[in-house]
N, C-alpha and C. Protein backbone atom coordinates (compact mmCIF):
# COMPACT_ATOMS: atom_id res chain seq x y z
N MET A 1 -65.53 -119.20 -65.80
CA MET A 1 -65.14 -117.88 -65.32
C MET A 1 -65.90 -116.82 -66.11
N GLN A 2 -66.35 -115.79 -65.42
CA GLN A 2 -67.09 -114.71 -66.05
C GLN A 2 -66.14 -113.63 -66.56
N LEU A 3 -66.43 -113.14 -67.76
CA LEU A 3 -65.62 -112.08 -68.35
C LEU A 3 -65.96 -110.75 -67.69
N ASN A 4 -64.95 -110.01 -67.26
CA ASN A 4 -65.13 -108.74 -66.57
C ASN A 4 -64.26 -107.67 -67.23
N PRO A 5 -64.70 -107.13 -68.39
CA PRO A 5 -63.84 -106.21 -69.15
C PRO A 5 -63.45 -104.93 -68.42
N GLY A 6 -64.26 -104.43 -67.53
CA GLY A 6 -63.93 -103.20 -66.83
C GLY A 6 -62.71 -103.31 -65.94
N ARG A 7 -62.35 -104.52 -65.57
CA ARG A 7 -61.18 -104.73 -64.70
C ARG A 7 -59.87 -104.63 -65.47
N SER A 8 -59.94 -104.54 -66.79
CA SER A 8 -58.70 -104.42 -67.58
C SER A 8 -57.97 -103.13 -67.27
N ALA A 9 -58.71 -102.12 -66.88
CA ALA A 9 -58.13 -100.79 -66.62
C ALA A 9 -57.79 -100.65 -65.14
N ARG A 10 -56.78 -101.36 -64.71
CA ARG A 10 -56.38 -101.28 -63.31
C ARG A 10 -55.53 -100.03 -63.11
N ALA A 11 -55.82 -99.32 -62.04
CA ALA A 11 -55.09 -98.08 -61.74
C ALA A 11 -53.79 -98.42 -61.02
N GLN A 12 -52.80 -98.84 -61.78
CA GLN A 12 -51.54 -99.25 -61.17
C GLN A 12 -50.39 -98.32 -61.52
N TRP A 13 -50.57 -97.45 -62.47
CA TRP A 13 -49.47 -96.60 -62.91
C TRP A 13 -49.40 -95.34 -62.07
N ARG A 14 -48.22 -94.89 -61.82
CA ARG A 14 -48.01 -93.64 -61.09
C ARG A 14 -47.35 -92.60 -61.98
N LYS A 15 -47.29 -92.92 -63.26
CA LYS A 15 -46.69 -92.00 -64.22
C LYS A 15 -47.36 -92.21 -65.57
N LEU A 16 -47.08 -91.32 -66.48
CA LEU A 16 -47.63 -91.37 -67.83
C LEU A 16 -47.23 -92.68 -68.51
N SER A 17 -48.14 -93.26 -69.29
CA SER A 17 -47.83 -94.49 -70.02
C SER A 17 -46.60 -94.29 -70.89
N ALA A 18 -45.77 -95.32 -70.95
CA ALA A 18 -44.49 -95.24 -71.68
C ALA A 18 -44.65 -94.83 -73.15
N PRO A 19 -45.62 -95.38 -73.92
CA PRO A 19 -45.74 -94.96 -75.32
C PRO A 19 -46.08 -93.47 -75.47
N ILE A 20 -46.89 -92.94 -74.57
CA ILE A 20 -47.24 -91.52 -74.64
C ILE A 20 -46.02 -90.67 -74.27
N GLU A 21 -45.31 -91.10 -73.26
CA GLU A 21 -44.07 -90.40 -72.87
C GLU A 21 -43.09 -90.35 -74.04
N ARG A 22 -43.01 -91.45 -74.77
CA ARG A 22 -42.10 -91.52 -75.93
C ARG A 22 -42.53 -90.55 -77.03
N LEU A 23 -43.85 -90.44 -77.27
CA LEU A 23 -44.35 -89.46 -78.25
C LEU A 23 -43.90 -88.05 -77.89
N ILE A 24 -43.99 -87.72 -76.60
CA ILE A 24 -43.58 -86.39 -76.14
C ILE A 24 -42.08 -86.20 -76.34
N GLU A 25 -41.29 -87.21 -75.96
CA GLU A 25 -39.83 -87.13 -76.12
C GLU A 25 -39.42 -86.88 -77.57
N LEU A 26 -40.15 -87.50 -78.50
CA LEU A 26 -39.84 -87.36 -79.93
C LEU A 26 -40.40 -86.08 -80.54
N GLY A 27 -41.15 -85.32 -79.77
CA GLY A 27 -41.73 -84.09 -80.29
C GLY A 27 -42.95 -84.33 -81.17
N LEU A 28 -43.55 -85.52 -81.05
CA LEU A 28 -44.75 -85.83 -81.84
C LEU A 28 -46.04 -85.51 -81.09
N LEU A 29 -45.90 -85.17 -79.82
CA LEU A 29 -47.06 -84.80 -79.01
C LEU A 29 -46.64 -83.64 -78.11
N ASP A 30 -47.39 -82.54 -78.22
CA ASP A 30 -47.10 -81.38 -77.37
C ASP A 30 -48.41 -80.70 -77.01
N PRO A 31 -48.38 -79.80 -76.02
CA PRO A 31 -49.61 -79.18 -75.53
C PRO A 31 -50.40 -78.38 -76.57
N SER A 32 -49.81 -78.08 -77.73
CA SER A 32 -50.57 -77.34 -78.75
C SER A 32 -51.58 -78.23 -79.47
N GLN A 33 -51.47 -79.54 -79.30
CA GLN A 33 -52.36 -80.48 -79.97
C GLN A 33 -53.48 -80.92 -79.03
N GLY A 34 -54.69 -80.98 -79.55
CA GLY A 34 -55.78 -81.55 -78.78
C GLY A 34 -55.62 -83.07 -78.77
N VAL A 35 -55.87 -83.69 -77.61
CA VAL A 35 -55.67 -85.12 -77.45
C VAL A 35 -56.95 -85.77 -76.93
N PHE A 36 -57.27 -86.94 -77.48
CA PHE A 36 -58.40 -87.73 -76.98
C PHE A 36 -57.90 -89.13 -76.65
N ASP A 37 -58.15 -89.56 -75.43
CA ASP A 37 -57.75 -90.89 -74.97
C ASP A 37 -58.97 -91.81 -75.06
N TYR A 38 -59.00 -92.62 -76.12
CA TYR A 38 -60.11 -93.53 -76.39
C TYR A 38 -59.90 -94.81 -75.58
N GLY A 39 -60.81 -95.07 -74.64
CA GLY A 39 -60.64 -96.21 -73.74
C GLY A 39 -59.67 -95.85 -72.63
N CYS A 40 -59.92 -94.70 -72.00
CA CYS A 40 -58.97 -94.13 -71.04
C CYS A 40 -58.91 -94.85 -69.71
N GLY A 41 -59.74 -95.87 -69.51
CA GLY A 41 -59.74 -96.56 -68.22
C GLY A 41 -60.14 -95.60 -67.13
N GLN A 42 -59.37 -95.58 -66.07
CA GLN A 42 -59.67 -94.71 -64.94
C GLN A 42 -59.14 -93.29 -65.13
N GLY A 43 -58.56 -93.02 -66.29
CA GLY A 43 -58.20 -91.66 -66.66
C GLY A 43 -56.86 -91.16 -66.17
N LEU A 44 -55.95 -92.06 -65.82
CA LEU A 44 -54.66 -91.60 -65.30
C LEU A 44 -53.83 -90.88 -66.35
N ASP A 45 -53.79 -91.38 -67.58
CA ASP A 45 -53.04 -90.67 -68.63
C ASP A 45 -53.66 -89.31 -68.91
N VAL A 46 -55.00 -89.24 -68.87
CA VAL A 46 -55.68 -87.95 -69.04
C VAL A 46 -55.22 -86.99 -67.95
N GLN A 47 -55.21 -87.45 -66.72
CA GLN A 47 -54.79 -86.62 -65.59
C GLN A 47 -53.34 -86.16 -65.75
N PHE A 48 -52.45 -87.10 -66.07
CA PHE A 48 -51.03 -86.76 -66.19
C PHE A 48 -50.78 -85.78 -67.35
N LEU A 49 -51.49 -85.95 -68.46
CA LEU A 49 -51.33 -85.02 -69.58
C LEU A 49 -51.85 -83.63 -69.21
N ARG A 50 -52.98 -83.57 -68.52
CA ARG A 50 -53.51 -82.27 -68.08
C ARG A 50 -52.52 -81.55 -67.17
N GLU A 51 -51.88 -82.31 -66.28
CA GLU A 51 -50.89 -81.72 -65.38
C GLU A 51 -49.71 -81.13 -66.15
N ARG A 52 -49.48 -81.61 -67.37
CA ARG A 52 -48.39 -81.09 -68.22
C ARG A 52 -48.89 -80.01 -69.17
N GLY A 53 -50.13 -79.59 -69.03
CA GLY A 53 -50.64 -78.49 -69.83
C GLY A 53 -51.35 -78.88 -71.11
N PHE A 54 -51.64 -80.16 -71.30
CA PHE A 54 -52.33 -80.61 -72.50
C PHE A 54 -53.83 -80.41 -72.36
N GLU A 55 -54.46 -80.10 -73.50
CA GLU A 55 -55.92 -80.10 -73.57
C GLU A 55 -56.31 -81.52 -73.98
N VAL A 56 -56.85 -82.28 -73.04
CA VAL A 56 -57.10 -83.70 -73.28
C VAL A 56 -58.44 -84.11 -72.71
N MET A 57 -59.13 -84.95 -73.46
CA MET A 57 -60.39 -85.54 -73.03
C MET A 57 -60.22 -87.06 -73.08
N GLY A 58 -61.07 -87.76 -72.34
CA GLY A 58 -61.01 -89.21 -72.37
C GLY A 58 -62.39 -89.82 -72.30
N TRP A 59 -62.48 -91.04 -72.77
CA TRP A 59 -63.73 -91.80 -72.74
C TRP A 59 -63.40 -93.27 -72.52
N ASP A 60 -64.23 -93.94 -71.73
CA ASP A 60 -64.08 -95.37 -71.49
C ASP A 60 -65.48 -95.95 -71.28
N PRO A 61 -65.79 -97.10 -71.90
CA PRO A 61 -67.14 -97.65 -71.78
C PRO A 61 -67.49 -98.12 -70.37
N TYR A 62 -66.51 -98.33 -69.51
CA TYR A 62 -66.78 -98.81 -68.15
C TYR A 62 -66.52 -97.75 -67.09
N TRP A 63 -65.49 -96.96 -67.25
CA TRP A 63 -65.09 -96.01 -66.22
C TRP A 63 -65.54 -94.58 -66.51
N CYS A 64 -65.80 -94.26 -67.76
CA CYS A 64 -66.15 -92.89 -68.13
C CYS A 64 -67.16 -92.91 -69.28
N ALA A 65 -68.20 -93.73 -69.12
CA ALA A 65 -69.17 -93.95 -70.20
C ALA A 65 -70.01 -92.71 -70.49
N ASP A 66 -70.12 -91.79 -69.54
CA ASP A 66 -70.90 -90.58 -69.78
C ASP A 66 -70.08 -89.50 -70.47
N GLY A 67 -68.80 -89.75 -70.66
CA GLY A 67 -67.95 -88.81 -71.41
C GLY A 67 -68.31 -88.83 -72.88
N GLU A 68 -67.91 -87.79 -73.58
CA GLU A 68 -68.22 -87.69 -75.00
C GLU A 68 -67.08 -88.23 -75.85
N LEU A 69 -67.45 -88.80 -76.99
CA LEU A 69 -66.46 -89.15 -78.01
C LEU A 69 -66.25 -87.89 -78.83
N VAL A 70 -65.02 -87.37 -78.82
CA VAL A 70 -64.75 -86.10 -79.49
C VAL A 70 -63.58 -86.24 -80.45
N GLU A 71 -63.63 -85.46 -81.51
CA GLU A 71 -62.49 -85.40 -82.44
C GLU A 71 -61.33 -84.68 -81.77
N ALA A 72 -60.14 -85.10 -82.15
CA ALA A 72 -58.93 -84.45 -81.62
C ALA A 72 -57.82 -84.61 -82.64
N ASN A 73 -56.80 -83.77 -82.52
CA ASN A 73 -55.64 -83.91 -83.41
C ASN A 73 -55.03 -85.30 -83.26
N VAL A 74 -54.85 -85.72 -82.02
CA VAL A 74 -54.23 -87.01 -81.73
C VAL A 74 -55.20 -87.85 -80.91
N VAL A 75 -55.43 -89.07 -81.37
CA VAL A 75 -56.26 -90.01 -80.61
C VAL A 75 -55.37 -91.16 -80.16
N LEU A 76 -55.43 -91.44 -78.87
CA LEU A 76 -54.64 -92.50 -78.25
C LEU A 76 -55.53 -93.70 -77.95
N VAL A 77 -55.11 -94.87 -78.37
CA VAL A 77 -55.83 -96.12 -78.08
C VAL A 77 -54.82 -97.05 -77.42
N ASN A 78 -54.60 -96.81 -76.13
CA ASN A 78 -53.56 -97.51 -75.38
C ASN A 78 -54.11 -98.74 -74.68
N PHE A 79 -53.66 -99.91 -75.09
CA PHE A 79 -54.04 -101.17 -74.44
C PHE A 79 -55.56 -101.31 -74.34
N VAL A 80 -56.23 -101.06 -75.47
CA VAL A 80 -57.69 -101.14 -75.54
C VAL A 80 -58.12 -102.29 -76.43
N VAL A 81 -57.69 -102.29 -77.70
CA VAL A 81 -58.19 -103.29 -78.65
C VAL A 81 -57.80 -104.70 -78.24
N ASP A 82 -56.70 -104.85 -77.52
CA ASP A 82 -56.28 -106.19 -77.10
C ASP A 82 -57.07 -106.69 -75.89
N CYS A 83 -57.94 -105.85 -75.33
CA CYS A 83 -58.77 -106.25 -74.19
C CYS A 83 -60.22 -106.48 -74.59
N ILE A 84 -60.52 -106.40 -75.88
CA ILE A 84 -61.89 -106.60 -76.38
C ILE A 84 -61.99 -108.02 -76.92
N GLY A 85 -62.86 -108.82 -76.31
CA GLY A 85 -62.96 -110.25 -76.62
C GLY A 85 -63.61 -110.59 -77.94
N ASP A 86 -64.47 -109.73 -78.44
CA ASP A 86 -65.16 -110.01 -79.70
C ASP A 86 -64.40 -109.35 -80.85
N PRO A 87 -63.90 -110.13 -81.82
CA PRO A 87 -63.12 -109.55 -82.92
C PRO A 87 -63.86 -108.45 -83.69
N GLY A 88 -65.17 -108.61 -83.90
CA GLY A 88 -65.94 -107.59 -84.60
C GLY A 88 -66.02 -106.30 -83.81
N GLU A 89 -66.24 -106.41 -82.52
CA GLU A 89 -66.29 -105.24 -81.65
C GLU A 89 -64.92 -104.56 -81.57
N ARG A 90 -63.87 -105.37 -81.59
CA ARG A 90 -62.49 -104.86 -81.58
C ARG A 90 -62.25 -103.98 -82.82
N ALA A 91 -62.66 -104.48 -83.98
CA ALA A 91 -62.49 -103.73 -85.23
C ALA A 91 -63.34 -102.45 -85.21
N GLU A 92 -64.57 -102.54 -84.71
CA GLU A 92 -65.44 -101.36 -84.63
C GLU A 92 -64.83 -100.28 -83.74
N ALA A 93 -64.25 -100.69 -82.63
CA ALA A 93 -63.62 -99.72 -81.72
C ALA A 93 -62.48 -98.99 -82.42
N LEU A 94 -61.64 -99.75 -83.13
CA LEU A 94 -60.52 -99.13 -83.83
C LEU A 94 -61.02 -98.18 -84.92
N GLN A 95 -62.04 -98.58 -85.67
CA GLN A 95 -62.59 -97.72 -86.71
C GLN A 95 -63.20 -96.45 -86.12
N GLN A 96 -63.87 -96.60 -84.98
CA GLN A 96 -64.46 -95.43 -84.34
C GLN A 96 -63.37 -94.46 -83.88
N ALA A 97 -62.32 -94.98 -83.28
CA ALA A 97 -61.21 -94.13 -82.84
C ALA A 97 -60.54 -93.44 -84.03
N TRP A 98 -60.35 -94.18 -85.12
CA TRP A 98 -59.75 -93.62 -86.34
C TRP A 98 -60.57 -92.45 -86.86
N GLY A 99 -61.88 -92.58 -86.79
CA GLY A 99 -62.77 -91.52 -87.26
C GLY A 99 -62.68 -90.24 -86.43
N LEU A 100 -62.14 -90.33 -85.22
CA LEU A 100 -62.02 -89.17 -84.34
C LEU A 100 -60.69 -88.43 -84.51
N ALA A 101 -59.71 -89.08 -85.14
CA ALA A 101 -58.36 -88.51 -85.25
C ALA A 101 -58.26 -87.56 -86.44
N ARG A 102 -57.67 -86.38 -86.20
CA ARG A 102 -57.42 -85.44 -87.30
C ARG A 102 -56.00 -85.57 -87.84
N ASP A 103 -55.01 -85.76 -86.97
CA ASP A 103 -53.61 -85.85 -87.41
C ASP A 103 -53.12 -87.30 -87.43
N TYR A 104 -53.25 -87.97 -86.31
CA TYR A 104 -52.84 -89.38 -86.26
C TYR A 104 -53.47 -90.11 -85.09
N LEU A 105 -53.43 -91.43 -85.21
CA LEU A 105 -53.94 -92.35 -84.20
C LEU A 105 -52.75 -93.16 -83.69
N MET A 106 -52.63 -93.31 -82.37
CA MET A 106 -51.62 -94.20 -81.82
C MET A 106 -52.33 -95.37 -81.16
N VAL A 107 -51.95 -96.58 -81.55
CA VAL A 107 -52.55 -97.80 -81.01
C VAL A 107 -51.46 -98.63 -80.34
N THR A 108 -51.71 -99.06 -79.12
CA THR A 108 -50.75 -99.87 -78.38
C THR A 108 -51.43 -101.14 -77.91
N VAL A 109 -50.73 -102.27 -78.03
CA VAL A 109 -51.24 -103.55 -77.53
C VAL A 109 -50.19 -104.22 -76.66
N ARG A 110 -50.66 -105.06 -75.77
CA ARG A 110 -49.75 -105.85 -74.93
C ARG A 110 -49.15 -106.96 -75.77
N ARG A 111 -47.85 -107.15 -75.59
CA ARG A 111 -47.17 -108.24 -76.29
C ARG A 111 -46.48 -109.17 -75.29
N ASP A 112 -46.81 -109.05 -74.03
CA ASP A 112 -46.17 -109.81 -72.97
C ASP A 112 -46.68 -111.25 -72.95
N ARG A 113 -45.89 -112.13 -73.48
CA ARG A 113 -46.27 -113.54 -73.53
C ARG A 113 -46.23 -114.20 -72.15
N ALA A 114 -45.65 -113.55 -71.17
CA ALA A 114 -45.58 -114.11 -69.83
C ALA A 114 -46.85 -113.84 -69.03
N LEU A 115 -47.82 -113.16 -69.64
CA LEU A 115 -49.07 -112.86 -68.96
C LEU A 115 -49.69 -114.15 -68.45
N ILE A 116 -50.17 -114.13 -67.24
CA ILE A 116 -50.77 -115.33 -66.67
C ILE A 116 -52.08 -115.61 -67.39
N ARG A 117 -52.14 -116.78 -68.02
CA ARG A 117 -53.33 -117.17 -68.78
C ARG A 117 -54.13 -118.18 -67.98
N VAL A 118 -55.43 -118.07 -68.03
CA VAL A 118 -56.28 -119.02 -67.34
C VAL A 118 -56.82 -120.03 -68.33
N CYS A 119 -57.48 -119.55 -69.36
CA CYS A 119 -58.01 -120.48 -70.36
C CYS A 119 -58.26 -119.74 -71.67
N PRO A 120 -58.24 -120.47 -72.78
CA PRO A 120 -58.52 -119.85 -74.08
C PRO A 120 -59.93 -119.27 -74.12
N TYR A 121 -60.08 -118.15 -74.82
CA TYR A 121 -61.38 -117.51 -74.98
C TYR A 121 -61.34 -116.74 -76.28
N SER A 122 -62.30 -116.97 -77.16
CA SER A 122 -62.35 -116.32 -78.47
C SER A 122 -61.00 -116.50 -79.14
N ASP A 123 -60.32 -115.42 -79.53
CA ASP A 123 -59.00 -115.55 -80.16
C ASP A 123 -57.89 -115.09 -79.21
N GLY A 124 -58.16 -115.21 -77.91
CA GLY A 124 -57.18 -114.79 -76.90
C GLY A 124 -57.29 -115.64 -75.65
N TRP A 125 -57.18 -114.96 -74.52
CA TRP A 125 -57.15 -115.65 -73.23
C TRP A 125 -57.98 -114.91 -72.20
N LEU A 126 -58.56 -115.67 -71.26
CA LEU A 126 -59.10 -115.08 -70.05
C LEU A 126 -57.96 -115.06 -69.04
N THR A 127 -57.80 -113.96 -68.35
CA THR A 127 -56.74 -113.85 -67.34
C THR A 127 -57.29 -114.24 -65.98
N ARG A 128 -56.42 -114.32 -65.01
CA ARG A 128 -56.85 -114.67 -63.66
C ARG A 128 -57.73 -113.58 -63.06
N TRP A 129 -57.73 -112.37 -63.64
CA TRP A 129 -58.57 -111.28 -63.16
C TRP A 129 -59.95 -111.28 -63.82
N GLY A 130 -60.20 -112.26 -64.70
CA GLY A 130 -61.48 -112.32 -65.39
C GLY A 130 -61.56 -111.37 -66.56
N THR A 131 -60.42 -110.94 -67.06
CA THR A 131 -60.40 -110.04 -68.21
C THR A 131 -59.94 -110.80 -69.45
N PHE A 132 -60.27 -110.27 -70.61
CA PHE A 132 -59.83 -110.85 -71.87
C PHE A 132 -58.51 -110.21 -72.26
N GLN A 133 -57.63 -111.00 -72.85
CA GLN A 133 -56.38 -110.46 -73.36
C GLN A 133 -56.03 -111.14 -74.68
N ARG A 134 -55.94 -110.36 -75.74
CA ARG A 134 -55.50 -110.86 -77.05
C ARG A 134 -54.02 -110.52 -77.16
N LEU A 135 -53.18 -111.53 -77.18
CA LEU A 135 -51.73 -111.31 -77.28
C LEU A 135 -51.34 -111.40 -78.74
N PHE A 136 -51.22 -110.25 -79.38
CA PHE A 136 -50.86 -110.18 -80.79
C PHE A 136 -49.37 -110.43 -80.97
N THR A 137 -49.01 -111.16 -82.02
CA THR A 137 -47.62 -111.11 -82.48
C THR A 137 -47.50 -109.80 -83.25
N GLN A 138 -46.29 -109.39 -83.54
CA GLN A 138 -46.11 -108.15 -84.30
C GLN A 138 -46.80 -108.25 -85.65
N GLY A 139 -46.64 -109.38 -86.34
CA GLY A 139 -47.28 -109.57 -87.64
C GLY A 139 -48.79 -109.54 -87.56
N GLU A 140 -49.35 -110.20 -86.55
CA GLU A 140 -50.81 -110.20 -86.37
C GLU A 140 -51.33 -108.80 -86.09
N PHE A 141 -50.60 -108.05 -85.28
CA PHE A 141 -51.01 -106.68 -84.93
C PHE A 141 -51.09 -105.80 -86.17
N TYR A 142 -50.05 -105.81 -86.99
CA TYR A 142 -50.04 -104.96 -88.18
C TYR A 142 -51.03 -105.45 -89.23
N HIS A 143 -51.26 -106.76 -89.30
CA HIS A 143 -52.29 -107.29 -90.20
C HIS A 143 -53.67 -106.79 -89.75
N PHE A 144 -53.94 -106.84 -88.45
CA PHE A 144 -55.20 -106.34 -87.90
C PHE A 144 -55.40 -104.87 -88.24
N LEU A 145 -54.35 -104.06 -88.06
CA LEU A 145 -54.47 -102.62 -88.36
C LEU A 145 -54.77 -102.38 -89.83
N ARG A 146 -54.03 -103.03 -90.72
CA ARG A 146 -54.22 -102.82 -92.17
C ARG A 146 -55.56 -103.37 -92.65
N GLN A 147 -55.99 -104.47 -92.08
CA GLN A 147 -57.27 -105.07 -92.48
C GLN A 147 -58.44 -104.21 -91.98
N THR A 148 -58.31 -103.67 -90.78
CA THR A 148 -59.39 -102.89 -90.18
C THR A 148 -59.45 -101.47 -90.73
N LEU A 149 -58.29 -100.92 -91.06
CA LEU A 149 -58.22 -99.55 -91.60
C LEU A 149 -57.53 -99.59 -92.96
N PRO A 150 -58.23 -100.12 -93.99
CA PRO A 150 -57.61 -100.26 -95.31
C PRO A 150 -57.12 -98.92 -95.85
N GLY A 151 -56.00 -98.97 -96.55
CA GLY A 151 -55.45 -97.77 -97.17
C GLY A 151 -54.59 -96.93 -96.24
N THR A 152 -54.43 -97.37 -94.99
CA THR A 152 -53.59 -96.62 -94.05
C THR A 152 -52.17 -97.15 -94.08
N SER A 153 -51.27 -96.39 -93.47
CA SER A 153 -49.85 -96.77 -93.41
C SER A 153 -49.37 -96.78 -91.97
N PRO A 154 -49.68 -97.85 -91.21
CA PRO A 154 -49.21 -97.91 -89.82
C PRO A 154 -47.69 -97.90 -89.76
N ILE A 155 -47.16 -97.13 -88.83
CA ILE A 155 -45.71 -97.03 -88.64
C ILE A 155 -45.36 -97.66 -87.30
N GLU A 156 -44.43 -98.59 -87.33
CA GLU A 156 -44.00 -99.24 -86.09
C GLU A 156 -43.38 -98.21 -85.15
N PHE A 157 -43.72 -98.34 -83.89
CA PHE A 157 -43.29 -97.37 -82.90
C PHE A 157 -43.09 -98.09 -81.57
N ASP A 158 -42.03 -97.83 -80.90
CA ASP A 158 -41.81 -98.32 -79.54
C ASP A 158 -41.83 -99.85 -79.45
N ARG A 159 -40.93 -100.49 -80.15
CA ARG A 159 -40.69 -101.94 -80.07
C ARG A 159 -41.83 -102.82 -80.59
N GLY A 160 -42.59 -102.38 -81.54
CA GLY A 160 -43.52 -103.25 -82.24
C GLY A 160 -44.88 -103.44 -81.65
N GLY A 161 -45.09 -103.16 -80.37
CA GLY A 161 -46.42 -103.30 -79.78
C GLY A 161 -47.21 -102.02 -79.88
N CYS A 162 -46.70 -101.09 -80.65
CA CYS A 162 -47.32 -99.78 -80.77
C CYS A 162 -47.20 -99.32 -82.22
N ALA A 163 -48.24 -98.67 -82.71
CA ALA A 163 -48.21 -98.15 -84.07
C ALA A 163 -48.80 -96.75 -84.09
N ILE A 164 -48.25 -95.94 -84.96
CA ILE A 164 -48.80 -94.62 -85.23
C ILE A 164 -49.37 -94.68 -86.64
N ILE A 165 -50.62 -94.24 -86.79
CA ILE A 165 -51.27 -94.28 -88.09
C ILE A 165 -51.62 -92.84 -88.48
N PRO A 166 -50.83 -92.25 -89.37
CA PRO A 166 -51.07 -90.86 -89.76
C PRO A 166 -52.29 -90.72 -90.67
N LYS A 167 -52.95 -89.56 -90.57
CA LYS A 167 -54.12 -89.28 -91.40
C LYS A 167 -53.74 -88.59 -92.70
N THR A 168 -52.61 -87.90 -92.72
CA THR A 168 -52.23 -87.11 -93.90
C THR A 168 -50.80 -87.43 -94.31
N GLU A 169 -50.46 -87.09 -95.53
CA GLU A 169 -49.08 -87.27 -96.02
C GLU A 169 -48.10 -86.44 -95.20
N ASP A 170 -48.53 -85.24 -94.80
CA ASP A 170 -47.67 -84.38 -93.99
C ASP A 170 -47.29 -85.08 -92.68
N TRP A 171 -48.28 -85.67 -92.02
CA TRP A 171 -48.00 -86.36 -90.77
C TRP A 171 -47.22 -87.65 -91.01
N LEU A 172 -47.47 -88.32 -92.11
CA LEU A 172 -46.69 -89.53 -92.45
C LEU A 172 -45.21 -89.17 -92.55
N GLU A 173 -44.91 -88.08 -93.25
CA GLU A 173 -43.52 -87.65 -93.42
C GLU A 173 -42.92 -87.19 -92.09
N ARG A 174 -43.68 -86.39 -91.34
CA ARG A 174 -43.18 -85.88 -90.07
C ARG A 174 -42.86 -87.02 -89.09
N ILE A 175 -43.77 -87.97 -88.99
CA ILE A 175 -43.56 -89.10 -88.07
C ILE A 175 -42.40 -89.96 -88.54
N SER A 176 -42.36 -90.25 -89.82
CA SER A 176 -41.27 -91.07 -90.37
C SER A 176 -39.91 -90.43 -90.10
N ASN A 177 -39.82 -89.11 -90.29
CA ASN A 177 -38.55 -88.40 -90.04
C ASN A 177 -38.14 -88.47 -88.57
N ARG A 178 -39.10 -88.35 -87.67
CA ARG A 178 -38.78 -88.38 -86.23
C ARG A 178 -38.38 -89.77 -85.76
N LEU A 179 -38.87 -90.80 -86.44
CA LEU A 179 -38.60 -92.17 -86.00
C LEU A 179 -37.37 -92.78 -86.66
N GLN A 180 -36.77 -92.07 -87.64
CA GLN A 180 -35.57 -92.60 -88.29
C GLN A 180 -34.41 -92.60 -87.30
N PRO A 181 -33.60 -93.67 -87.33
CA PRO A 181 -32.41 -93.69 -86.45
C PRO A 181 -31.50 -92.52 -86.78
N GLN A 182 -30.94 -91.90 -85.75
CA GLN A 182 -30.05 -90.75 -85.93
C GLN A 182 -28.69 -91.21 -86.44
N GLY A 183 -28.03 -90.37 -87.23
CA GLY A 183 -26.68 -90.63 -87.69
C GLY A 183 -26.58 -91.50 -88.92
N ARG A 184 -27.67 -91.69 -89.64
CA ARG A 184 -27.62 -92.51 -90.86
C ARG A 184 -27.79 -91.66 -92.08
């Protein structure tokens, strides 16, 4: 089976991605912040954020390759690193996205073990759509983040398949305070 990475970004959503919606609900993302969607696929999250008044840009190597990689307060890496079949390229993508973030980076990976697998490939699976999928355990995901971005403090967000990595102590404190359970 031939690997077809561009097919990973299927336009199936009719609403903003759940992790981004959660950032907005928690007050960690608002229209005053510049946003960059690294690996935006067909750009649906970019479109939905613009409709809500956000200043947002996106880039994807298959769907928006002529777009620019730009610095932003918040950089989103939603379901990107888990679709890159080469571990070295996966780490480079995360490092590149980190370099674009001024306030924080949000990284989300698929943790759905029920994903239809076709055959092993590299350190993951080829799917029936000809795409690569690395199914991280929570421990593997956080190990990957800390190993790839040494000295950072990834914060678990949205049931473990998502992490926020703050760039400054101010953002570390702000994010930690917003994610603490209420009433304790």
